[in-house]
Amino acid sequence: MVTADSIKTHIETSMSCELVHVEGDDGYHFSALIVSPEFRGKNMVQQHQLVYRALGDRMKQEIHALSMKTMTPEQWAESNNQN
């Protein structure tokens, strides 16, 4: 069974990331916050496609649902300054 930690590790090894946080404890439904410079200049759909590519066949076979919040490092810094 896939775990939040294994998804996190897979994303971190497949993409350049400044932050990856994945939650989910039922083995099928997960939520992730991913901050990556690879998202610069890409819209949300393109950002999510990068993550789906990083996860590969896991998205088709092991992960039933993954909700994502994707941000560039600049967006992440700005969101933290507003809090």
PDB file of N, CA and C in Angstrom:
ATOM      1  N   MET A   1       0.845  -1.183   0.000  1.00  0.00           N
ATOM      2  CA  MET A   1       0.000   0.000   0.000  1.00  0.00           C
ATOM      3  C   MET A   1       0.890   1.246   0.000  1.00  0.00           C
ATOM      4  N   VAL A   2       0.498   2.225  -0.781  1.00  0.00           N
ATOM      5  CA  VAL A   2       1.238   3.476  -0.884  1.00  0.00           C
ATOM      6  C   VAL A   2       0.976   4.318   0.373  1.00  0.00           C
ATOM      7  N   THR A   3       1.997   5.059   0.796  1.00  0.00           N
ATOM      8  CA  THR A   3       1.879   5.923   1.971  1.00  0.00           C
ATOM      9  C   THR A   3       2.166   7.366   1.584  1.00  0.00           C
ATOM     10  N   ALA A   4       1.778   8.286   2.451  1.00  0.00           N
ATOM     11  CA  ALA A   4       2.072   9.702   2.222  1.00  0.00           C
ATOM     12  C   ALA A   4       3.579   9.916   2.113  1.00  0.00           C
ATOM     13  N   ASP A   5       4.345   9.231   2.962  1.00  0.00           N
ATOM     14  CA  ASP A   5       5.803   9.379   2.920  1.00  0.00           C
ATOM     15  C   ASP A   5       6.391   8.876   1.607  1.00  0.00           C
ATOM     16  N   SER A   6       5.848   7.786   1.074  1.00  0.00           N
ATOM     17  CA  SER A   6       6.396   7.265  -0.186  1.00  0.00           C
ATOM     18  C   SER A   6       6.063   8.194  -1.350  1.00  0.00           C
ATOM     19  N   ILE A   7       4.888   8.816  -1.321  1.00  0.00           N
ATOM     20  CA  ILE A   7       4.541   9.795  -2.360  1.00  0.00           C
ATOM     21  C   ILE A   7       5.469  10.991  -2.264  1.00  0.00           C
ATOM     22  N   LYS A   8       5.692  11.478  -1.052  1.00  0.00           N
ATOM     23  CA  LYS A   8       6.591  12.619  -0.827  1.00  0.00           C
ATOM     24  C   LYS A   8       7.985  12.314  -1.375  1.00  0.00           C
ATOM     25  N   THR A   9       8.504  11.163  -1.025  1.00  0.00           N
ATOM     26  CA  THR A   9       9.840  10.769  -1.484  1.00  0.00           C
ATOM     27  C   THR A   9       9.895  10.675  -3.000  1.00  0.00           C
ATOM     28  N   HIS A  10       8.869  10.112  -3.602  1.00  0.00           N
ATOM     29  CA  HIS A  10       8.850   9.958  -5.063  1.00  0.00           C
ATOM     30  C   HIS A  10       8.833  11.323  -5.756  1.00  0.00           C
ATOM     31  N   ILE A  11       8.043  12.255  -5.244  1.00  0.00           N
ATOM     32  CA  ILE A  11       7.997  13.603  -5.824  1.00  0.00           C
ATOM     33  C   ILE A  11       9.350  14.286  -5.662  1.00  0.00           C
ATOM     34  N   GLU A  12       9.923  14.194  -4.457  1.00  0.00           N
ATOM     35  CA  GLU A  12      11.204  14.861  -4.184  1.00  0.00           C
ATOM     36  C   GLU A  12      12.343  14.321  -5.041  1.00  0.00           C
ATOM     37  N   THR A  13      12.308  13.045  -5.363  1.00  0.00           N
ATOM     38  CA  THR A  13      13.391  12.479  -6.174  1.00  0.00           C
ATOM     39  C   THR A  13      13.175  12.692  -7.669  1.00  0.00           C
ATOM     40  N   SER A  14      11.943  13.035  -8.059  1.00  0.00           N
ATOM     41  CA  SER A  14      11.633  13.213  -9.477  1.00  0.00           C
ATOM     42  C   SER A  14      11.588  14.664  -9.922  1.00  0.00           C
ATOM     43  N   MET A  15      11.503  15.581  -8.955  1.00  0.00           N
ATOM     44  CA  MET A  15      11.386  17.008  -9.272  1.00  0.00           C
ATOM     45  C   MET A  15      12.290  17.811  -8.348  1.00  0.00           C
ATOM     46  N   SER A  16      12.626  19.008  -8.790  1.00  0.00           N
ATOM     47  CA  SER A  16      13.329  19.956  -7.938  1.00  0.00           C
ATOM     48  C   SER A  16      12.281  20.654  -7.072  1.00  0.00           C
ATOM     49  N   CYS A  17      12.319  20.411  -5.765  1.00  0.00           N
ATOM     50  CA  CYS A  17      11.304  20.963  -4.868  1.00  0.00           C
ATOM     51  C   CYS A  17      11.946  21.658  -3.676  1.00  0.00           C
ATOM     52  N   GLU A  18      11.329  22.740  -3.259  1.00  0.00           N
ATOM     53  CA  GLU A  18      11.753  23.414  -2.036  1.00  0.00           C
ATOM     54  C   GLU A  18      10.961  22.919  -0.837  1.00  0.00           C
ATOM     55  N   LEU A  19       9.741  22.438  -1.093  1.00  0.00           N
ATOM     56  CA  LEU A  19       8.894  21.923  -0.020  1.00  0.00           C
ATOM     57  C   LEU A  19       7.919  20.919  -0.604  1.00  0.00           C
ATOM     58  N   VAL A  20       7.784  19.794   0.064  1.00  0.00           N
ATOM     59  CA  VAL A  20       6.752  18.816  -0.281  1.00  0.00           C
ATOM     60  C   VAL A  20       6.149  18.331   1.029  1.00  0.00           C
ATOM     61  N   HIS A  21       4.842  18.484   1.159  1.00  0.00           N
ATOM     62  CA  HIS A  21       4.125  17.995   2.337  1.00  0.00           C
ATOM     63  C   HIS A  21       2.932  17.191   1.832  1.00  0.00           C
ATOM     64  N   VAL A  22       2.876  15.927   2.224  1.00  0.00           N
ATOM     65  CA  VAL A  22       1.793  15.045   1.774  1.00  0.00           C
ATOM     66  C   VAL A  22       1.096  14.469   3.001  1.00  0.00           C
ATOM     67  N   GLU A  23      -0.223  14.497   2.979  1.00  0.00           N
ATOM     68  CA  GLU A  23      -1.032  13.917   4.050  1.00  0.00           C
ATOM     69  C   GLU A  23      -1.980  12.883   3.470  1.00  0.00           C
ATOM     70  N   GLY A  24      -2.371  11.950   4.310  1.00  0.00           N
ATOM     71  CA  GLY A  24      -3.332  10.915   3.924  1.00  0.00           C
ATOM     72  C   GLY A  24      -2.959   9.628   4.611  1.00  0.00           C
ATOM     73  N   ASP A  25      -3.928   9.006   5.266  1.00  0.00           N
ATOM     74  CA  ASP A  25      -3.596   7.800   6.021  1.00  0.00           C
ATOM     75  C   ASP A  25      -4.439   6.579   5.661  1.00  0.00           C
ATOM     76  N   ASP A  26      -5.249   6.697   4.599  1.00  0.00           N
ATOM     77  CA  ASP A  26      -6.058   5.536   4.230  1.00  0.00           C
ATOM     78  C   ASP A  26      -5.448   4.718   3.086  1.00  0.00           C
ATOM     79  N   GLY A  27      -4.317   5.191   2.555  1.00  0.00           N
ATOM     80  CA  GLY A  27      -3.642   4.458   1.490  1.00  0.00           C
ATOM     81  C   GLY A  27      -4.157   4.731   0.091  1.00  0.00           C
ATOM     82  N   TYR A  28      -5.201   5.566  -0.032  1.00  0.00           N
ATOM     83  CA  TYR A  28      -5.789   5.830  -1.343  1.00  0.00           C
ATOM     84  C   TYR A  28      -6.012   7.306  -1.643  1.00  0.00           C
ATOM     85  N   HIS A  29      -6.332   8.087  -0.618  1.00  0.00           N
ATOM     86  CA  HIS A  29      -6.671   9.502  -0.788  1.00  0.00           C
ATOM     87  C   HIS A  29      -5.609  10.352  -0.099  1.00  0.00           C
ATOM     88  N   PHE A  30      -5.030  11.283  -0.861  1.00  0.00           N
ATOM     89  CA  PHE A  30      -3.935  12.086  -0.334  1.00  0.00           C
ATOM     90  C   PHE A  30      -4.109  13.549  -0.726  1.00  0.00           C
ATOM     91  N   SER A  31      -3.494  14.419   0.055  1.00  0.00           N
ATOM     92  CA  SER A  31      -3.416  15.838  -0.309  1.00  0.00           C
ATOM     93  C   SER A  31      -1.961  16.253  -0.194  1.00  0.00           C
ATOM     94  N   ALA A  32      -1.544  17.141  -1.087  1.00  0.00           N
ATOM     95  CA  ALA A  32      -0.138  17.528  -1.137  1.00  0.00           C
ATOM     96  C   ALA A  32       0.010  19.031  -1.345  1.00  0.00           C
ATOM     97  N   LEU A  33       1.020  19.582  -0.693  1.00  0.00           N
ATOM     98  CA  LEU A  33       1.484  20.942  -0.939  1.00  0.00           C
ATOM     99  C   LEU A  33       2.875  20.797  -1.527  1.00  0.00           C
ATOM    100  N   ILE A  34       3.072  21.344  -2.720  1.00  0.00           N
ATOM    101  CA  ILE A  34       4.349  21.200  -3.415  1.00  0.00           C
ATOM    102  C   ILE A  34       4.814  22.575  -3.866  1.00  0.00           C
ATOM    103  N   VAL A  35       6.022  22.947  -3.445  1.00  0.00           N
ATOM    104  CA  VAL A  35       6.631  24.215  -3.838  1.00  0.00           C
ATOM    105  C   VAL A  35       7.855  23.877  -4.685  1.00  0.00           C
ATOM    106  N   SER A  36       7.840  24.331  -5.934  1.00  0.00           N
ATOM    107  CA  SER A  36       8.925  23.982  -6.852  1.00  0.00           C
ATOM    108  C   SER A  36       9.217  25.119  -7.826  1.00  0.00           C
ATOM    109  N   PRO A  37      10.499  25.371  -8.080  1.00  0.00           N
ATOM    110  CA  PRO A  37      10.842  26.345  -9.116  1.00  0.00           C
ATOM    111  C   PRO A  37      10.441  25.864 -10.510  1.00  0.00           C
ATOM    112  N   GLU A  38      10.210  24.572 -10.670  1.00  0.00           N
ATOM    113  CA  GLU A  38       9.777  24.036 -11.968  1.00  0.00           C
ATOM    114  C   GLU A  38       8.389  24.532 -12.356  1.00  0.00           C
ATOM    115  N   PHE A  39       7.642  25.082 -11.410  1.00  0.00           N
ATOM    116  CA  PHE A  39       6.291  25.578 -11.687  1.00  0.00           C
ATOM    117  C   PHE A  39       6.283  26.987 -12.274  1.00  0.00           C
ATOM    118  N   ARG A  40       7.423  27.664 -12.247  1.00  0.00           N
ATOM    119  CA  ARG A  40       7.481  29.036 -12.772  1.00  0.00           C
ATOM    120  C   ARG A  40       7.037  29.073 -14.234  1.00  0.00           C
ATOM    121  N   GLY A  41       6.161  30.031 -14.552  1.00  0.00           N
ATOM    122  CA  GLY A  41       5.704  30.220 -15.922  1.00  0.00           C
ATOM    123  C   GLY A  41       4.677  29.210 -16.397  1.00  0.00           C
ATOM    124  N   LYS A  42       4.217  28.339 -15.496  1.00  0.00           N
ATOM    125  CA  LYS A  42       3.238  27.324 -15.875  1.00  0.00           C
ATOM    126  C   LYS A  42       1.917  27.604 -15.167  1.00  0.00           C
ATOM    127  N   ASN A  43       0.818  27.289 -15.848  1.00  0.00           N
ATOM    128  CA  ASN A  43      -0.479  27.433 -15.196  1.00  0.00           C
ATOM    129  C   ASN A  43      -0.711  26.229 -14.278  1.00  0.00           C
ATOM    130  N   MET A  44      -1.812  26.273 -13.531  1.00  0.00           N
ATOM    131  CA  MET A  44      -2.075  25.231 -12.546  1.00  0.00           C
ATOM    132  C   MET A  44      -2.173  23.840 -13.180  1.00  0.00           C
ATOM    133  N   VAL A  45      -2.817  23.730 -14.316  1.00  0.00           N
ATOM    134  CA  VAL A  45      -2.945  22.431 -14.986  1.00  0.00           C
ATOM    135  C   VAL A  45      -1.565  21.895 -15.357  1.00  0.00           C
ATOM    136  N   GLN A  46      -0.715  22.736 -15.906  1.00  0.00           N
ATOM    137  CA  GLN A  46       0.639  22.319 -16.280  1.00  0.00           C
ATOM    138  C   GLN A  46       1.451  21.922 -15.048  1.00  0.00           C
ATOM    139  N   GLN A  47       1.269  22.635 -13.948  1.00  0.00           N
ATOM    140  CA  GLN A  47       1.964  22.295 -12.704  1.00  0.00           C
ATOM    141  C   GLN A  47       1.534  20.912 -12.218  1.00  0.00           C
ATOM    142  N   HIS A  48       0.225  20.663 -12.232  1.00  0.00           N
ATOM    143  CA  HIS A  48      -0.279  19.366 -11.788  1.00  0.00           C
ATOM    144  C   HIS A  48       0.196  18.253 -12.715  1.00  0.00           C
ATOM    145  N   GLN A  49       0.292  18.536 -14.005  1.00  0.00           N
ATOM    146  CA  GLN A  49       0.792  17.536 -14.949  1.00  0.00           C
ATOM    147  C   GLN A  49       2.234  17.148 -14.630  1.00  0.00           C
ATOM    148  N   LEU A  50       3.042  18.115 -14.204  1.00  0.00           N
ATOM    149  CA  LEU A  50       4.421  17.805 -13.804  1.00  0.00           C
ATOM    150  C   LEU A  50       4.438  16.826 -12.637  1.00  0.00           C
ATOM    151  N   VAL A  51       3.562  17.051 -11.674  1.00  0.00           N
ATOM    152  CA  VAL A  51       3.499  16.158 -10.513  1.00  0.00           C
ATOM    153  C   VAL A  51       2.997  14.781 -10.937  1.00  0.00           C
ATOM    154  N   TYR A  52       1.965  14.739 -11.777  1.00  0.00           N
ATOM    155  CA  TYR A  52       1.455  13.453 -12.263  1.00  0.00           C
ATOM    156  C   TYR A  52       2.549  12.679 -12.997  1.00  0.00           C
ATOM    157  N   ARG A  53       3.324  13.383 -13.811  1.00  0.00           N
ATOM    158  CA  ARG A  53       4.438  12.734 -14.511  1.00  0.00           C
ATOM    159  C   ARG A  53       5.465  12.202 -13.523  1.00  0.00           C
ATOM    160  N   ALA A  54       5.740  12.978 -12.476  1.00  0.00           N
ATOM    161  CA  ALA A  54       6.706  12.545 -11.467  1.00  0.00           C
ATOM    162  C   ALA A  54       6.234  11.267 -10.767  1.00  0.00           C
ATOM    163  N   LEU A  55       4.932  11.144 -10.574  1.00  0.00           N
ATOM    164  CA  LEU A  55       4.389   9.960  -9.899  1.00  0.00           C
ATOM    165  C   LEU A  55       4.183   8.788 -10.848  1.00  0.00           C
ATOM    166  N   GLY A  56       4.133   9.061 -12.139  1.00  0.00           N
ATOM    167  CA  GLY A  56       4.042   8.000 -13.142  1.00  0.00           C
ATOM    168  C   GLY A  56       2.850   7.081 -12.957  1.00  0.00           C
ATOM    169  N   ASP A  57       3.100   5.788 -13.046  1.00  0.00           N
ATOM    170  CA  ASP A  57       2.041   4.785 -12.984  1.00  0.00           C
ATOM    171  C   ASP A  57       1.360   4.714 -11.624  1.00  0.00           C
ATOM    172  N   ARG A  58       1.971   5.271 -10.594  1.00  0.00           N
ATOM    173  CA  ARG A  58       1.326   5.273  -9.275  1.00  0.00           C
ATOM    174  C   ARG A  58      -0.035   5.960  -9.339  1.00  0.00           C
ATOM    175  N   MET A  59      -0.157   7.002 -10.174  1.00  0.00           N
ATOM    176  CA  MET A  59      -1.429   7.714 -10.290  1.00  0.00           C
ATOM    177  C   MET A  59      -2.497   6.833 -10.940  1.00  0.00           C
ATOM    178  N   LYS A  60      -2.091   5.910 -11.766  1.00  0.00           N
ATOM    179  CA  LYS A  60      -3.051   5.038 -12.449  1.00  0.00           C
ATOM    180  C   LYS A  60      -3.390   3.802 -11.624  1.00  0.00           C
ATOM    181  N   GLN A  61      -2.436   3.347 -10.823  1.00  0.00           N
ATOM    182  CA  GLN A  61      -2.603   2.056 -10.174  1.00  0.00           C
ATOM    183  C   GLN A  61      -2.773   2.133  -8.661  1.00  0.00           C
ATOM    184  N   GLU A  62      -2.001   2.963  -7.980  1.00  0.00           N
ATOM    185  CA  GLU A  62      -1.959   2.909  -6.520  1.00  0.00           C
ATOM    186  C   GLU A  62      -2.701   4.046  -5.827  1.00  0.00           C
ATOM    187  N   ILE A  63      -2.719   5.217  -6.433  1.00  0.00           N
ATOM    188  CA  ILE A  63      -3.296   6.389  -5.786  1.00  0.00           C
ATOM    189  C   ILE A  63      -4.678   6.641  -6.374  1.00  0.00           C
ATOM    190  N   HIS A  64      -5.684   6.573  -5.535  1.00  0.00           N
ATOM    191  CA  HIS A  64      -7.054   6.793  -6.015  1.00  0.00           C
ATOM    192  C   HIS A  64      -7.326   8.282  -6.209  1.00  0.00           C
ATOM    193  N   ALA A  65      -6.875   9.108  -5.274  1.00  0.00           N
ATOM    194  CA  ALA A  65      -7.131  10.552  -5.359  1.00  0.00           C
ATOM    195  C   ALA A  65      -5.976  11.324  -4.731  1.00  0.00           C
ATOM    196  N   LEU A  66      -5.557  12.379  -5.416  1.00  0.00           N
ATOM    197  CA  LEU A  66      -4.510  13.260  -4.905  1.00  0.00           C
ATOM    198  C   LEU A  66      -4.932  14.696  -5.170  1.00  0.00           C
ATOM    199  N   SER A  67      -5.241  15.418  -4.106  1.00  0.00           N
ATOM    200  CA  SER A  67      -5.513  16.849  -4.267  1.00  0.00           C
ATOM    201  C   SER A  67      -4.197  17.579  -4.047  1.00  0.00           C
ATOM    202  N   MET A  68      -3.960  18.584  -4.865  1.00  0.00           N
ATOM    203  CA  MET A  68      -2.673  19.281  -4.817  1.00  0.00           C
ATOM    204  C   MET A  68      -2.845  20.781  -4.718  1.00  0.00           C
ATOM    205  N   LYS A  69      -1.946  21.392  -3.971  1.00  0.00           N
ATOM    206  CA  LYS A  69      -1.749  22.835  -4.010  1.00  0.00           C
ATOM    207  C   LYS A  69      -0.310  23.001  -4.467  1.00  0.00           C
ATOM    208  N   THR A  70      -0.126  23.590  -5.633  1.00  0.00           N
ATOM    209  CA  THR A  70       1.208  23.773  -6.197  1.00  0.00           C
ATOM    210  C   THR A  70       1.529  25.256  -6.227  1.00  0.00           C
ATOM    211  N   MET A  71       2.763  25.579  -5.873  1.00  0.00           N
ATOM    212  CA  MET A  71       3.186  26.977  -5.809  1.00  0.00           C
ATOM    213  C   MET A  71       4.639  27.103  -6.241  1.00  0.00           C
ATOM    214  N   THR A  72       4.961  28.265  -6.799  1.00  0.00           N
ATOM    215  CA  THR A  72       6.368  28.595  -7.041  1.00  0.00           C
ATOM    216  C   THR A  72       6.959  29.049  -5.705  1.00  0.00           C
ATOM    217  N   PRO A  73       8.279  29.085  -5.589  1.00  0.00           N
ATOM    218  CA  PRO A  73       8.880  29.590  -4.353  1.00  0.00           C
ATOM    219  C   PRO A  73       8.437  31.023  -4.036  1.00  0.00           C
ATOM    220  N   GLU A  74       8.255  31.836  -5.063  1.00  0.00           N
ATOM    221  CA  GLU A  74       7.826  33.216  -4.856  1.00  0.00           C
ATOM    222  C   GLU A  74       6.396  33.277  -4.309  1.00  0.00           C
ATOM    223  N   GLN A  75       5.516  32.451  -4.850  1.00  0.00           N
ATOM    224  CA  GLN A  75       4.138  32.400  -4.354  1.00  0.00           C
ATOM    225  C   GLN A  75       4.105  31.914  -2.907  1.00  0.00           C
ATOM    226  N   TRP A  76       4.941  30.944  -2.595  1.00  0.00           N
ATOM    227  CA  TRP A  76       5.012  30.410  -1.235  1.00  0.00           C
ATOM    228  C   TRP A  76       5.495  31.491  -0.267  1.00  0.00           C
ATOM    229  N   ALA A  77       6.547  32.213  -0.650  1.00  0.00           N
ATOM    230  CA  ALA A  77       7.076  33.277   0.209  1.00  0.00           C
ATOM    231  C   ALA A  77       6.024  34.358   0.427  1.00  0.00           C
ATOM    232  N   GLU A  78       5.324  34.719  -0.632  1.00  0.00           N
ATOM    233  CA  GLU A  78       4.286  35.746  -0.526  1.00  0.00           C
ATOM    234  C   GLU A  78       3.145  35.285   0.380  1.00  0.00           C
ATOM    235  N   SER A  79       2.741  34.045   0.262  1.00  0.00           N
ATOM    236  CA  SER A  79       1.641  33.545   1.098  1.00  0.00           C
ATOM    237  C   SER A  79       2.047  33.488   2.566  1.00  0.00           C
ATOM    238  N   ASN A  80       3.311  33.236   2.840  1.00  0.00           N
ATOM    239  CA  ASN A  80       3.782  33.205   4.225  1.00  0.00           C
ATOM    240  C   ASN A  80       3.929  34.603   4.807  1.00  0.00           C
ATOM    241  N   ASN A  81       4.195  35.591   3.965  1.00  0.00           N
ATOM    242  CA  ASN A  81       4.313  36.971   4.437  1.00  0.00           C
ATOM    243  C   ASN A  81       2.961  37.569   4.770  1.00  0.00           C
ATOM    244  N   GLN A  82       1.900  37.025   4.202  1.00  0.00           N
ATOM    245  CA  GLN A  82       0.557  37.540   4.452  1.00  0.00           C
ATOM    246  C   GLN A  82      -0.029  36.988   5.738  1.00  0.00           C
ATOM    247  N   ASN A  83       0.565  35.948   6.284  1.00  0.00           N
ATOM    248  CA  ASN A  83       0.017  35.326   7.502  1.00  0.00           C
ATOM    249  C   ASN A  83       0.567  35.955   8.743  1.00  0.00           C
TER     250      ASN A  83
END
